[in-house]
Protein backbone atom coordinates (compact mmCIF):
# COMPACT_ATOMS: atom_id res chain seq x y z
CA MET A 1 -7.99 0.14 14.53
CA LYS A 2 -6.93 1.52 11.15
CA LYS A 3 -5.36 -0.54 8.37
CA ALA A 4 -4.26 0.19 4.81
CA GLY A 5 -5.72 -1.46 1.74
CA VAL A 6 -5.17 -1.40 -2.02
CA ASP A 7 -7.81 -0.39 -4.56
CA TYR A 8 -6.77 -2.74 -7.36
CA SER A 9 -8.87 -0.87 -9.92
CA LYS A 10 -6.65 2.21 -9.39
CA CYS A 11 -3.27 0.49 -8.96
CA GLN A 12 -1.03 0.99 -11.99
CA ILE A 13 1.47 -1.71 -10.88
CA CYS A 14 4.42 0.68 -10.76
CA SER A 15 7.77 -1.05 -11.06
CA LYS A 16 9.10 1.18 -8.26
CA CYS A 17 6.18 1.44 -5.85
CA THR A 18 6.81 4.64 -3.90
CA ALA A 19 4.07 3.76 -1.42
CA ARG A 20 5.93 0.57 -0.52
CA LYS A 21 9.10 2.52 0.14
CA ALA A 22 7.23 4.95 2.40
CA CYS A 23 5.89 2.22 4.70
CA PRO A 24 7.88 2.21 7.96
CA THR A 25 6.83 -1.36 8.83
CA LYS A 26 7.18 -2.78 5.29
CA ALA A 27 3.53 -3.86 5.40
CA LEU A 28 3.16 -3.18 1.66
CA PHE A 29 4.72 -5.87 -0.48
CA LYS A 30 4.79 -7.21 -4.02
CA ILE A 31 5.30 -10.87 -4.85
CA ASP A 32 5.92 -10.32 -8.56
CA GLU A 33 6.85 -7.15 -10.42
CA ASP A 34 3.80 -7.46 -12.70
CA GLU A 35 1.31 -7.67 -9.81
CA PRO A 36 -0.14 -4.88 -7.65
CA ALA A 37 1.08 -4.27 -4.12
CA SER A 38 -0.67 -5.98 -1.22
CA VAL A 39 -0.90 -5.14 2.48
CA ASP A 40 0.09 -7.42 5.35
CA ILE A 41 -2.47 -6.23 7.89
CA GLN A 42 -0.50 -7.88 10.69
CA LEU A 43 2.31 -5.35 10.07
CA CYS A 44 0.20 -2.30 9.16
CA TYR A 45 -0.68 0.09 11.98
CA GLY A 46 -2.57 2.63 9.86
CA CYS A 47 -0.07 5.50 9.79
CA ALA A 48 -1.23 6.43 6.22
CA LYS A 49 2.28 7.34 4.99
CA CYS A 50 1.72 5.04 2.01
CA THR A 51 -1.47 6.88 1.00
CA MET A 52 0.45 10.13 0.64
CA GLU A 53 3.07 8.55 -1.63
CA CYS A 54 0.88 6.62 -4.10
CA PRO A 55 0.58 8.81 -7.23
CA HIS A 56 -2.56 6.96 -8.35
CA ASN A 57 -4.46 7.15 -5.02
CA ALA A 58 -4.68 3.36 -5.00
CA ILE A 59 -3.83 3.02 -1.30
CA TYR A 60 -6.38 3.88 1.36
CA VAL A 61 -6.71 3.54 5.14
CA ARG A 62 -9.91 2.26 6.68
CA GLU A 63 -11.25 1.55 10.14
CA LEU A 64 -11.57 -2.17 10.89
């Protein structure tokens, strides 16, 4: 089973997270604007659309 994750050392905390907008299940979310995105692994099914949209390569997909 594949799931997305966020590499917080690469995340630039974009105000308009394009990776979040690309997620068909809305598994990527932000609680506050000044915090990095997080992944709800219950919603993520590993499609990797978010990885293609993140301009900083901060989103990855891994096998669980």
